[in-house]
Amino acid sequence: MSASDCLFCKIIAGDIPSTVVYQNDTVYCFRDINPQSRVHVLVVPREHHEDARELAGDPKLLAEVLLAGAEVARVEGIDESGYRFVFNTGDDACRTVFHAHLHVLGGEQLAGFGR
């Protein structure tokens, strides 16, 4: 998928509205429109990478995404109570947007993982 067709690239460009939680020169963080917990924020690198596997090829950017996730947890007031980071990569993970993004989930007791 090209960046011009990418939902998150359009959000970052301001073509599609979003509720910004945090942003800097590297990442854009906004509330998920279908939250899976009380706090559900997406941390999206401004530079288009298809998924976490591709993002791992740029370790500095990957670290910046994780640091931004920690900052989102702080801003949202869940840094002490706990939070979860999730990347969905590949078909079995039910990935729906083909732009790498980190889910920051928390603000309540989260259910277990997997099936």
PDB file of N, CA and C in Angstrom:
ATOM      1  N   MET A   1       0.845  -1.176   0.000  1.00  0.00           N
ATOM      2  CA  MET A   1       0.000   0.000   0.000  1.00  0.00           C
ATOM      3  C   MET A   1       0.886   1.234   0.000  1.00  0.00           C
ATOM      4  N   SER A   2       0.520   2.194  -0.798  1.00  0.00           N
ATOM      5  CA  SER A   2       1.294   3.432  -0.845  1.00  0.00           C
ATOM      6  C   SER A   2       0.860   4.352   0.290  1.00  0.00           C
ATOM      7  N   ALA A   3       1.751   5.258   0.658  1.00  0.00           N
ATOM      8  CA  ALA A   3       1.445   6.206   1.723  1.00  0.00           C
ATOM      9  C   ALA A   3       0.235   7.066   1.357  1.00  0.00           C
ATOM     10  N   SER A   4       0.041   7.334   0.064  1.00  0.00           N
ATOM     11  CA  SER A   4      -1.090   8.173  -0.347  1.00  0.00           C
ATOM     12  C   SER A   4      -2.432   7.480  -0.132  1.00  0.00           C
ATOM     13  N   ASP A   5      -2.442   6.155  -0.044  1.00  0.00           N
ATOM     14  CA  ASP A   5      -3.668   5.388   0.190  1.00  0.00           C
ATOM     15  C   ASP A   5      -3.850   5.008   1.652  1.00  0.00           C
ATOM     16  N   CYS A   6      -2.898   5.348   2.492  1.00  0.00           N
ATOM     17  CA  CYS A   6      -2.866   4.871   3.873  1.00  0.00           C
ATOM     18  C   CYS A   6      -3.738   5.723   4.802  1.00  0.00           C
ATOM     19  N   LEU A   7      -4.617   5.063   5.537  1.00  0.00           N
ATOM     20  CA  LEU A   7      -5.494   5.741   6.481  1.00  0.00           C
ATOM     21  C   LEU A   7      -4.704   6.571   7.491  1.00  0.00           C
ATOM     22  N   PHE A   8      -3.671   5.984   8.083  1.00  0.00           N
ATOM     23  CA  PHE A   8      -2.923   6.708   9.112  1.00  0.00           C
ATOM     24  C   PHE A   8      -2.109   7.854   8.523  1.00  0.00           C
ATOM     25  N   CYS A   9      -1.596   7.708   7.319  1.00  0.00           N
ATOM     26  CA  CYS A   9      -0.904   8.827   6.670  1.00  0.00           C
ATOM     27  C   CYS A   9      -1.869   9.988   6.455  1.00  0.00           C
ATOM     28  N   LYS A  10      -3.118   9.681   6.114  1.00  0.00           N
ATOM     29  CA  LYS A  10      -4.131  10.720   5.929  1.00  0.00           C
ATOM     30  C   LYS A  10      -4.482  11.389   7.257  1.00  0.00           C
ATOM     31  N   ILE A  11      -4.521  10.598   8.340  1.00  0.00           N
ATOM     32  CA  ILE A  11      -4.776  11.165   9.668  1.00  0.00           C
ATOM     33  C   ILE A  11      -3.634  12.089  10.067  1.00  0.00           C
ATOM     34  N   ILE A  12      -2.399  11.619   9.888  1.00  0.00           N
ATOM     35  CA  ILE A  12      -1.228  12.430  10.230  1.00  0.00           C
ATOM     36  C   ILE A  12      -1.217  13.731   9.433  1.00  0.00           C
ATOM     37  N   ALA A  13      -1.610  13.672   8.170  1.00  0.00           N
ATOM     38  CA  ALA A  13      -1.633  14.860   7.306  1.00  0.00           C
ATOM     39  C   ALA A  13      -2.768  15.824   7.660  1.00  0.00           C
ATOM     40  N   GLY A  14      -3.706  15.370   8.498  1.00  0.00           N
ATOM     41  CA  GLY A  14      -4.833  16.215   8.871  1.00  0.00           C
ATOM     42  C   GLY A  14      -6.011  16.105   7.933  1.00  0.00           C
ATOM     43  N   ASP A  15      -5.954  15.180   6.984  1.00  0.00           N
ATOM     44  CA  ASP A  15      -7.053  14.988   6.036  1.00  0.00           C
ATOM     45  C   ASP A  15      -8.246  14.272   6.663  1.00  0.00           C
ATOM     46  N   ILE A  16      -7.974  13.508   7.735  1.00  0.00           N
ATOM     47  CA  ILE A  16      -9.007  12.797   8.480  1.00  0.00           C
ATOM     48  C   ILE A  16      -8.854  13.236   9.932  1.00  0.00           C
ATOM     49  N   PRO A  17      -9.950  13.639  10.578  1.00  0.00           N
ATOM     50  CA  PRO A  17      -9.834  14.131  11.953  1.00  0.00           C
ATOM     51  C   PRO A  17      -9.455  13.033  12.941  1.00  0.00           C
ATOM     52  N   SER A  18      -8.786  13.451  14.007  1.00  0.00           N
ATOM     53  CA  SER A  18      -8.416  12.544  15.094  1.00  0.00           C
ATOM     54  C   SER A  18      -8.305  13.360  16.369  1.00  0.00           C
ATOM     55  N   THR A  19      -8.290  12.657  17.492  1.00  0.00           N
ATOM     56  CA  THR A  19      -8.102  13.308  18.785  1.00  0.00           C
ATOM     57  C   THR A  19      -6.676  13.057  19.230  1.00  0.00           C
ATOM     58  N   VAL A  20      -5.849  14.078  19.112  1.00  0.00           N
ATOM     59  CA  VAL A  20      -4.430  13.965  19.418  1.00  0.00           C
ATOM     60  C   VAL A  20      -4.219  13.896  20.926  1.00  0.00           C
ATOM     61  N   VAL A  21      -3.351  12.973  21.337  1.00  0.00           N
ATOM     62  CA  VAL A  21      -2.967  12.832  22.739  1.00  0.00           C
ATOM     63  C   VAL A  21      -1.554  13.355  22.947  1.00  0.00           C
ATOM     64  N   TYR A  22      -0.683  13.078  21.977  1.00  0.00           N
ATOM     65  CA  TYR A  22       0.721  13.484  22.059  1.00  0.00           C
ATOM     66  C   TYR A  22       1.274  13.452  20.647  1.00  0.00           C
ATOM     67  N   GLN A  23       2.218  14.332  20.378  1.00  0.00           N
ATOM     68  CA  GLN A  23       2.902  14.289  19.082  1.00  0.00           C
ATOM     69  C   GLN A  23       4.246  14.967  19.203  1.00  0.00           C
ATOM     70  N   ASN A  24       5.147  14.564  18.320  1.00  0.00           N
ATOM     71  CA  ASN A  24       6.435  15.235  18.176  1.00  0.00           C
ATOM     72  C   ASN A  24       6.849  15.109  16.717  1.00  0.00           C
ATOM     73  N   ASP A  25       8.084  15.382  16.404  1.00  0.00           N
ATOM     74  CA  ASP A  25       8.534  15.335  15.008  1.00  0.00           C
ATOM     75  C   ASP A  25       8.528  13.923  14.427  1.00  0.00           C
ATOM     76  N   THR A  26       8.520  12.910  15.284  1.00  0.00           N
ATOM     77  CA  THR A  26       8.660  11.521  14.845  1.00  0.00           C
ATOM     78  C   THR A  26       7.361  10.732  14.876  1.00  0.00           C
ATOM     79  N   VAL A  27       6.493  11.019  15.848  1.00  0.00           N
ATOM     80  CA  VAL A  27       5.280  10.219  16.045  1.00  0.00           C
ATOM     81  C   VAL A  27       4.049  11.107  16.168  1.00  0.00           C
ATOM     82  N   TYR A  28       2.917  10.501  15.902  1.00  0.00           N
ATOM     83  CA  TYR A  28       1.614  11.134  16.062  1.00  0.00           C
ATOM     84  C   TYR A  28       0.769  10.137  16.852  1.00  0.00           C
ATOM     85  N   CYS A  29       0.248  10.554  18.001  1.00  0.00           N
ATOM     86  CA  CYS A  29      -0.482   9.656  18.897  1.00  0.00           C
ATOM     87  C   CYS A  29      -1.911  10.159  19.057  1.00  0.00           C
ATOM     88  N   PHE A  30      -2.871   9.297  18.821  1.00  0.00           N
ATOM     89  CA  PHE A  30      -4.268   9.703  18.855  1.00  0.00           C
ATOM     90  C   PHE A  30      -5.149   8.585  19.386  1.00  0.00           C
ATOM     91  N   ARG A  31      -6.332   8.948  19.861  1.00  0.00           N
ATOM     92  CA  ARG A  31      -7.270   7.980  20.438  1.00  0.00           C
ATOM     93  C   ARG A  31      -7.821   7.050  19.357  1.00  0.00           C
ATOM     94  N   ASP A  32      -7.893   5.778  19.701  1.00  0.00           N
ATOM     95  CA  ASP A  32      -8.496   4.790  18.807  1.00  0.00           C
ATOM     96  C   ASP A  32     -10.001   5.054  18.731  1.00  0.00           C
ATOM     97  N   ILE A  33     -10.579   4.967  17.526  1.00  0.00           N
ATOM     98  CA  ILE A  33     -12.020   5.223  17.382  1.00  0.00           C
ATOM     99  C   ILE A  33     -12.871   4.043  17.840  1.00  0.00           C
ATOM    100  N   ASN A  34     -12.238   2.902  18.085  1.00  0.00           N
ATOM    101  CA  ASN A  34     -12.932   1.713  18.583  1.00  0.00           C
ATOM    102  C   ASN A  34     -12.149   1.188  19.794  1.00  0.00           C
ATOM    103  N   PRO A  35     -12.179   1.919  20.908  1.00  0.00           N
ATOM    104  CA  PRO A  35     -11.308   1.570  22.035  1.00  0.00           C
ATOM    105  C   PRO A  35     -11.616   0.201  22.642  1.00  0.00           C
ATOM    106  N   GLN A  36     -10.537  -0.500  22.991  1.00  0.00           N
ATOM    107  CA  GLN A  36     -10.638  -1.822  23.597  1.00  0.00           C
ATOM    108  C   GLN A  36     -10.396  -1.774  25.102  1.00  0.00           C
ATOM    109  N   SER A  37     -10.146  -0.579  25.631  1.00  0.00           N
ATOM    110  CA  SER A  37     -10.013  -0.349  27.066  1.00  0.00           C
ATOM    111  C   SER A  37     -10.307   1.127  27.312  1.00  0.00           C
ATOM    112  N   ARG A  38     -10.384   1.506  28.598  1.00  0.00           N
ATOM    113  CA  ARG A  38     -10.703   2.901  28.910  1.00  0.00           C
ATOM    114  C   ARG A  38      -9.722   3.849  28.230  1.00  0.00           C
ATOM    115  N   VAL A  39      -8.426   3.515  28.275  1.00  0.00           N
ATOM    116  CA  VAL A  39      -7.417   4.261  27.529  1.00  0.00           C
ATOM    117  C   VAL A  39      -6.963   3.389  26.373  1.00  0.00           C
ATOM    118  N   HIS A  40      -7.088   3.891  25.167  1.00  0.00           N
ATOM    119  CA  HIS A  40      -6.626   3.173  23.973  1.00  0.00           C
ATOM    120  C   HIS A  40      -6.139   4.222  22.980  1.00  0.00           C
ATOM    121  N   VAL A  41      -4.825   4.363  22.940  1.00  0.00           N
ATOM    122  CA  VAL A  41      -4.190   5.370  22.096  1.00  0.00           C
ATOM    123  C   VAL A  41      -3.268   4.668  21.113  1.00  0.00           C
ATOM    124  N   LEU A  42      -3.238   5.146  19.885  1.00  0.00           N
ATOM    125  CA  LEU A  42      -2.353   4.618  18.859  1.00  0.00           C
ATOM    126  C   LEU A  42      -1.142   5.531  18.711  1.00  0.00           C
ATOM    127  N   VAL A  43       0.032   4.925  18.728  1.00  0.00           N
ATOM    128  CA  VAL A  43       1.284   5.647  18.515  1.00  0.00           C
ATOM    129  C   VAL A  43       1.751   5.287  17.106  1.00  0.00           C
ATOM    130  N   VAL A  44       1.762   6.275  16.228  1.00  0.00           N
ATOM    131  CA  VAL A  44       2.031   6.029  14.814  1.00  0.00           C
ATOM    132  C   VAL A  44       3.274   6.808  14.389  1.00  0.00           C
ATOM    133  N   PRO A  45       4.283   6.132  13.842  1.00  0.00           N
ATOM    134  CA  PRO A  45       5.412   6.897  13.310  1.00  0.00           C
ATOM    135  C   PRO A  45       4.943   7.730  12.113  1.00  0.00           C
ATOM    136  N   ARG A  46       5.412   8.950  12.043  1.00  0.00           N
ATOM    137  CA  ARG A  46       5.023   9.813  10.915  1.00  0.00           C
ATOM    138  C   ARG A  46       5.527   9.242   9.592  1.00  0.00           C
ATOM    139  N   GLU A  47       6.669   8.601   9.638  1.00  0.00           N
ATOM    140  CA  GLU A  47       7.238   7.950   8.456  1.00  0.00           C
ATOM    141  C   GLU A  47       6.496   6.636   8.234  1.00  0.00           C
ATOM    142  N   HIS A  48       6.057   6.399   7.007  1.00  0.00           N
ATOM    143  CA  HIS A  48       5.276   5.198   6.708  1.00  0.00           C
ATOM    144  C   HIS A  48       6.156   3.942   6.710  1.00  0.00           C
ATOM    145  N   HIS A  49       5.793   2.993   7.568  1.00  0.00           N
ATOM    146  CA  HIS A  49       6.350   1.638   7.586  1.00  0.00           C
ATOM    147  C   HIS A  49       5.142   0.715   7.647  1.00  0.00           C
ATOM    148  N   GLU A  50       5.141  -0.343   6.876  1.00  0.00           N
ATOM    149  CA  GLU A  50       3.946  -1.175   6.774  1.00  0.00           C
ATOM    150  C   GLU A  50       3.557  -1.840   8.094  1.00  0.00           C
ATOM    151  N   ASP A  51       4.519  -2.351   8.833  1.00  0.00           N
ATOM    152  CA  ASP A  51       4.191  -3.071  10.065  1.00  0.00           C
ATOM    153  C   ASP A  51       5.406  -3.086  10.995  1.00  0.00           C
ATOM    154  N   ALA A  52       5.248  -3.719  12.146  1.00  0.00           N
ATOM    155  CA  ALA A  52       6.325  -3.756  13.144  1.00  0.00           C
ATOM    156  C   ALA A  52       7.555  -4.482  12.613  1.00  0.00           C
ATOM    157  N   ARG A  53       7.355  -5.469  11.776  1.00  0.00           N
ATOM    158  CA  ARG A  53       8.490  -6.194  11.185  1.00  0.00           C
ATOM    159  C   ARG A  53       9.351  -5.229  10.373  1.00  0.00           C
ATOM    160  N   GLU A  54       8.718  -4.379   9.581  1.00  0.00           N
ATOM    161  CA  GLU A  54       9.449  -3.388   8.792  1.00  0.00           C
ATOM    162  C   GLU A  54      10.030  -2.296   9.694  1.00  0.00           C
ATOM    163  N   LEU A  55       9.272  -1.896  10.689  1.00  0.00           N
ATOM    164  CA  LEU A  55       9.732  -0.870  11.624  1.00  0.00           C
ATOM    165  C   LEU A  55      10.977  -1.319  12.383  1.00  0.00           C
ATOM    166  N   ALA A  56      11.090  -2.607  12.644  1.00  0.00           N
ATOM    167  CA  ALA A  56      12.262  -3.142  13.348  1.00  0.00           C
ATOM    168  C   ALA A  56      13.550  -2.925  12.557  1.00  0.00           C
ATOM    169  N   GLY A  57      13.441  -2.688  11.262  1.00  0.00           N
ATOM    170  CA  GLY A  57      14.606  -2.382  10.438  1.00  0.00           C
ATOM    171  C   GLY A  57      15.189  -1.004  10.719  1.00  0.00           C
ATOM    172  N   ASP A  58      14.463  -0.208  11.498  1.00  0.00           N
ATOM    173  CA  ASP A  58      14.929   1.119  11.902  1.00  0.00           C
ATOM    174  C   ASP A  58      14.880   1.170  13.435  1.00  0.00           C
ATOM    175  N   PRO A  59      15.881   0.568  14.106  1.00  0.00           N
ATOM    176  CA  PRO A  59      15.844   0.455  15.569  1.00  0.00           C
ATOM    177  C   PRO A  59      15.683   1.789  16.299  1.00  0.00           C
ATOM    178  N   LYS A  60      16.253   2.854  15.763  1.00  0.00           N
ATOM    179  CA  LYS A  60      16.117   4.162  16.417  1.00  0.00           C
ATOM    180  C   LYS A  60      14.658   4.618  16.390  1.00  0.00           C
ATOM    181  N   LEU A  61      14.003   4.470  15.249  1.00  0.00           N
ATOM    182  CA  LEU A  61      12.594   4.853  15.142  1.00  0.00           C
ATOM    183  C   LEU A  61      11.736   3.959  16.028  1.00  0.00           C
ATOM    184  N   LEU A  62      12.012   2.673  16.047  1.00  0.00           N
ATOM    185  CA  LEU A  62      11.264   1.755  16.904  1.00  0.00           C
ATOM    186  C   LEU A  62      11.387   2.184  18.367  1.00  0.00           C
ATOM    187  N   ALA A  63      12.599   2.536  18.794  1.00  0.00           N
ATOM    188  CA  ALA A  63      12.797   3.009  20.171  1.00  0.00           C
ATOM    189  C   ALA A  63      12.006   4.285  20.424  1.00  0.00           C
ATOM    190  N   GLU A  64      11.946   5.173  19.453  1.00  0.00           N
ATOM    191  CA  GLU A  64      11.195   6.413  19.617  1.00  0.00           C
ATOM    192  C   GLU A  64       9.699   6.144  19.734  1.00  0.00           C
ATOM    193  N   VAL A  65       9.201   5.149  19.006  1.00  0.00           N
ATOM    194  CA  VAL A  65       7.793   4.769  19.119  1.00  0.00           C
ATOM    195  C   VAL A  65       7.512   4.247  20.529  1.00  0.00           C
ATOM    196  N   LEU A  66       8.396   3.399  21.049  1.00  0.00           N
ATOM    197  CA  LEU A  66       8.206   2.859  22.400  1.00  0.00           C
ATOM    198  C   LEU A  66       8.303   3.960  23.460  1.00  0.00           C
ATOM    199  N   LEU A  67       9.241   4.876  23.303  1.00  0.00           N
ATOM    200  CA  LEU A  67       9.356   5.996  24.242  1.00  0.00           C
ATOM    201  C   LEU A  67       8.099   6.874  24.195  1.00  0.00           C
ATOM    202  N   ALA A  68       7.571   7.087  23.008  1.00  0.00           N
ATOM    203  CA  ALA A  68       6.334   7.858  22.874  1.00  0.00           C
ATOM    204  C   ALA A  68       5.175   7.126  23.540  1.00  0.00           C
ATOM    205  N   GLY A  69       5.155   5.809  23.442  1.00  0.00           N
ATOM    206  CA  GLY A  69       4.125   5.026  24.126  1.00  0.00           C
ATOM    207  C   GLY A  69       4.195   5.231  25.634  1.00  0.00           C
ATOM    208  N   ALA A  70       5.396   5.245  26.180  1.00  0.00           N
ATOM    209  CA  ALA A  70       5.564   5.499  27.610  1.00  0.00           C
ATOM    210  C   ALA A  70       5.114   6.910  27.970  1.00  0.00           C
ATOM    211  N   GLU A  71       5.371   7.867  27.094  1.00  0.00           N
ATOM    212  CA  GLU A  71       4.927   9.240  27.331  1.00  0.00           C
ATOM    213  C   GLU A  71       3.404   9.324  27.282  1.00  0.00           C
ATOM    214  N   VAL A  72       2.776   8.609  26.369  1.00  0.00           N
ATOM    215  CA  VAL A  72       1.309   8.558  26.307  1.00  0.00           C
ATOM    216  C   VAL A  72       0.766   8.005  27.622  1.00  0.00           C
ATOM    217  N   ALA A  73       1.379   6.937  28.137  1.00  0.00           N
ATOM    218  CA  ALA A  73       0.936   6.366  29.412  1.00  0.00           C
ATOM    219  C   ALA A  73       1.028   7.415  30.522  1.00  0.00           C
ATOM    220  N   ARG A  74       2.098   8.199  30.524  1.00  0.00           N
ATOM    221  CA  ARG A  74       2.262   9.247  31.536  1.00  0.00           C
ATOM    222  C   ARG A  74       1.181  10.322  31.374  1.00  0.00           C
ATOM    223  N   VAL A  75       1.000  10.794  30.146  1.00  0.00           N
ATOM    224  CA  VAL A  75       0.006  11.841  29.865  1.00  0.00           C
ATOM    225  C   VAL A  75      -1.392  11.377  30.255  1.00  0.00           C
ATOM    226  N   GLU A  76      -1.688  10.112  30.011  1.00  0.00           N
ATOM    227  CA  GLU A  76      -3.010   9.561  30.296  1.00  0.00           C
ATOM    228  C   GLU A  76      -3.180   9.151  31.764  1.00  0.00           C
ATOM    229  N   GLY A  77      -2.103   9.245  32.548  1.00  0.00           N
ATOM    230  CA  GLY A  77      -2.180   8.938  33.969  1.00  0.00           C
ATOM    231  C   GLY A  77      -2.230   7.458  34.299  1.00  0.00           C
ATOM    232  N   ILE A  78      -1.708   6.623  33.395  1.00  0.00           N
ATOM    233  CA  ILE A  78      -1.729   5.170  33.639  1.00  0.00           C
ATOM    234  C   ILE A  78      -0.324   4.600  33.804  1.00  0.00           C
ATOM    235  N   ASP A  79       0.672   5.473  33.889  1.00  0.00           N
ATOM    236  CA  ASP A  79       2.053   4.993  33.979  1.00  0.00           C
ATOM    237  C   ASP A  79       2.327   4.256  35.280  1.00  0.00           C
ATOM    238  N   GLU A  80       1.615   4.579  36.348  1.00  0.00           N
ATOM    239  CA  GLU A  80       1.821   3.900  37.629  1.00  0.00           C
ATOM    240  C   GLU A  80       0.922   2.670  37.779  1.00  0.00           C
ATOM    241  N   SER A  81      -0.300   2.737  37.282  1.00  0.00           N
ATOM    242  CA  SER A  81      -1.250   1.633  37.453  1.00  0.00           C
ATOM    243  C   SER A  81      -0.990   0.480  36.494  1.00  0.00           C
ATOM    244  N   GLY A  82      -0.350   0.770  35.369  1.00  0.00           N
ATOM    245  CA  GLY A  82      -0.015  -0.272  34.411  1.00  0.00           C
ATOM    246  C   GLY A  82      -0.682  -0.071  33.065  1.00  0.00           C
ATOM    247  N   TYR A  83      -0.021  -0.587  32.057  1.00  0.00           N
ATOM    248  CA  TYR A  83      -0.519  -0.450  30.685  1.00  0.00           C
ATOM    249  C   TYR A  83       0.069  -1.564  29.835  1.00  0.00           C
ATOM    250  N   ARG A  84      -0.481  -1.702  28.656  1.00  0.00           N
ATOM    251  CA  ARG A  84      -0.055  -2.754  27.720  1.00  0.00           C
ATOM    252  C   ARG A  84       0.296  -2.107  26.394  1.00  0.00           C
ATOM    253  N   PHE A  85       1.397  -2.580  25.794  1.00  0.00           N
ATOM    254  CA  PHE A  85       1.788  -2.197  24.435  1.00  0.00           C
ATOM    255  C   PHE A  85       1.483  -3.377  23.518  1.00  0.00           C
ATOM    256  N   VAL A  86       0.894  -3.105  22.349  1.00  0.00           N
ATOM    257  CA  VAL A  86       0.585  -4.159  21.381  1.00  0.00           C
ATOM    258  C   VAL A  86       0.891  -3.672  19.971  1.00  0.00           C
ATOM    259  N   PHE A  87       1.623  -4.485  19.204  1.00  0.00           N
ATOM    260  CA  PHE A  87       1.775  -4.316  17.769  1.00  0.00           C
ATOM    261  C   PHE A  87       1.047  -5.487  17.116  1.00  0.00           C
ATOM    262  N   ASN A  88       0.242  -5.245  16.098  1.00  0.00           N
ATOM    263  CA  ASN A  88      -0.375  -6.314  15.314  1.00  0.00           C
ATOM    264  C   ASN A  88       0.356  -6.388  13.984  1.00  0.00           C
ATOM    265  N   THR A  89       0.950  -7.545  13.717  1.00  0.00           N
ATOM    266  CA  THR A  89       1.720  -7.727  12.485  1.00  0.00           C
ATOM    267  C   THR A  89       1.307  -9.037  11.832  1.00  0.00           C
ATOM    268  N   GLY A  90       0.882  -8.973  10.593  1.00  0.00           N
ATOM    269  CA  GLY A  90       0.516 -10.168   9.841  1.00  0.00           C
ATOM    270  C   GLY A  90      -0.951 -10.535   9.974  1.00  0.00           C
ATOM    271  N   ASP A  91      -1.369 -11.447   9.126  1.00  0.00           N
ATOM    272  CA  ASP A  91      -2.778 -11.842   9.035  1.00  0.00           C
ATOM    273  C   ASP A  91      -3.317 -12.459  10.322  1.00  0.00           C
ATOM    274  N   ASP A  92      -2.532 -13.307  10.978  1.00  0.00           N
ATOM    275  CA  ASP A  92      -3.017 -13.969  12.188  1.00  0.00           C
ATOM    276  C   ASP A  92      -3.247 -12.991  13.338  1.00  0.00           C
ATOM    277  N   ALA A  93      -2.671 -11.818  13.267  1.00  0.00           N
ATOM    278  CA  ALA A  93      -2.863 -10.808  14.311  1.00  0.00           C
ATOM    279  C   ALA A  93      -4.080  -9.914  14.021  1.00  0.00           C
ATOM    280  N   CYS A  94      -4.760 -10.182  12.907  1.00  0.00           N
ATOM    281  CA  CYS A  94      -5.941  -9.402  12.504  1.00  0.00           C
ATOM    282  C   CYS A  94      -5.604  -7.928  12.260  1.00  0.00           C
ATOM    283  N   ARG A  95      -4.453  -7.696  11.699  1.00  0.00           N
ATOM    284  CA  ARG A  95      -4.051  -6.338  11.350  1.00  0.00           C
ATOM    285  C   ARG A  95      -5.023  -5.789  10.318  1.00  0.00           C
ATOM    286  N   THR A  96      -5.474  -4.558  10.522  1.00  0.00           N
ATOM    287  CA  THR A  96      -6.431  -3.952   9.592  1.00  0.00           C
ATOM    288  C   THR A  96      -5.894  -2.693   8.927  1.00  0.00           C
ATOM    289  N   VAL A  97      -4.880  -2.064   9.505  1.00  0.00           N
ATOM    290  CA  VAL A  97      -4.277  -0.884   8.914  1.00  0.00           C
ATOM    291  C   VAL A  97      -2.812  -1.190   8.622  1.00  0.00           C
ATOM    292  N   PHE A  98      -2.391  -0.930   7.407  1.00  0.00           N
ATOM    293  CA  PHE A  98      -1.050  -1.307   6.972  1.00  0.00           C
ATOM    294  C   PHE A  98      -0.074  -0.136   7.104  1.00  0.00           C
ATOM    295  N   HIS A  99       0.001   0.360   8.333  1.00  0.00           N
ATOM    296  CA  HIS A  99       0.970   1.379   8.736  1.00  0.00           C
ATOM    297  C   HIS A  99       1.314   1.002  10.177  1.00  0.00           C
ATOM    298  N   ALA A 100       2.571   0.752  10.441  1.00  0.00           N
ATOM    299  CA  ALA A 100       2.991   0.318  11.778  1.00  0.00           C
ATOM    300  C   ALA A 100       2.410   1.251  12.829  1.00  0.00           C
ATOM    301  N   HIS A 101       1.894   0.667  13.902  1.00  0.00           N
ATOM    302  CA  HIS A 101       1.372   1.462  15.006  1.00  0.00           C
ATOM    303  C   HIS A 101       1.364   0.635  16.274  1.00  0.00           C
ATOM    304  N   LEU A 102       1.607   1.325  17.361  1.00  0.00           N
ATOM    305  CA  LEU A 102       1.630   0.724  18.690  1.00  0.00           C
ATOM    306  C   LEU A 102       0.343   1.088  19.411  1.00  0.00           C
ATOM    307  N   HIS A 103      -0.352   0.088  19.934  1.00  0.00           N
ATOM    308  CA  HIS A 103      -1.528   0.334  20.763  1.00  0.00           C
ATOM    309  C   HIS A 103      -1.061   0.491  22.207  1.00  0.00           C
ATOM    310  N   VAL A 104      -1.510   1.545  22.865  1.00  0.00           N
ATOM    311  CA  VAL A 104      -1.274   1.728  24.294  1.00  0.00           C
ATOM    312  C   VAL A 104      -2.635   1.553  24.961  1.00  0.00           C
ATOM    313  N   LEU A 105      -2.740   0.506  25.792  1.00  0.00           N
ATOM    314  CA  LEU A 105      -4.005   0.145  26.425  1.00  0.00           C
ATOM    315  C   LEU A 105      -3.862   0.197  27.935  1.00  0.00           C
ATOM    316  N   GLY A 106      -4.901   0.660  28.619  1.00  0.00           N
ATOM    317  CA  GLY A 106      -4.860   0.675  30.077  1.00  0.00           C
ATOM    318  C   GLY A 106      -6.022   1.452  30.649  1.00  0.00           C
ATOM    319  N   GLY A 107      -5.827   1.877  31.897  1.00  0.00           N
ATOM    320  CA  GLY A 107      -6.864   2.627  32.579  1.00  0.00           C
ATOM    321  C   GLY A 107      -7.882   1.768  33.280  1.00  0.00           C
ATOM    322  N   GLU A 108      -7.678   0.472  33.240  1.00  0.00           N
ATOM    323  CA  GLU A 108      -8.554  -0.494  33.895  1.00  0.00           C
ATOM    324  C   GLU A 108      -7.836  -1.841  33.903  1.00  0.00           C
ATOM    325  N   GLN A 109      -8.357  -2.792  34.677  1.00  0.00           N
ATOM    326  CA  GLN A 109      -7.785  -4.137  34.674  1.00  0.00           C
ATOM    327  C   GLN A 109      -8.030  -4.756  33.309  1.00  0.00           C
ATOM    328  N   LEU A 110      -6.957  -5.179  32.637  1.00  0.00           N
ATOM    329  CA  LEU A 110      -7.069  -5.755  31.301  1.00  0.00           C
ATOM    330  C   LEU A 110      -7.207  -7.260  31.375  1.00  0.00           C
ATOM    331  N   ALA A 111      -7.960  -7.812  30.433  1.00  0.00           N
ATOM    332  CA  ALA A 111      -8.132  -9.262  30.359  1.00  0.00           C
ATOM    333  C   ALA A 111      -6.854  -9.923  29.884  1.00  0.00           C
ATOM    334  N   GLY A 112      -6.810 -11.242  29.990  1.00  0.00           N
ATOM    335  CA  GLY A 112      -5.642 -11.998  29.543  1.00  0.00           C
ATOM    336  C   GLY A 112      -5.461 -11.944  28.047  1.00  0.00           C
ATOM    337  N   PHE A 113      -4.389 -12.545  27.613  1.00  0.00           N
ATOM    338  CA  PHE A 113      -3.998 -12.555  26.203  1.00  0.00           C
ATOM    339  C   PHE A 113      -4.467 -13.831  25.518  1.00  0.00           C
ATOM    340  N   GLY A 114      -4.494 -13.780  24.189  1.00  0.00           N
ATOM    341  CA  GLY A 114      -4.696 -14.992  23.395  1.00  0.00           C
ATOM    342  C   GLY A 114      -6.140 -15.406  23.270  1.00  0.00           C
ATOM    343  N   ARG A 115      -6.319 -16.684  23.113  1.00  0.00           N
ATOM    344  CA  ARG A 115      -7.653 -17.232  22.845  1.00  0.00           C
ATOM    345  C   ARG A 115      -8.589 -17.054  23.995  1.00  0.00           C
TER     346      ARG A 115
END
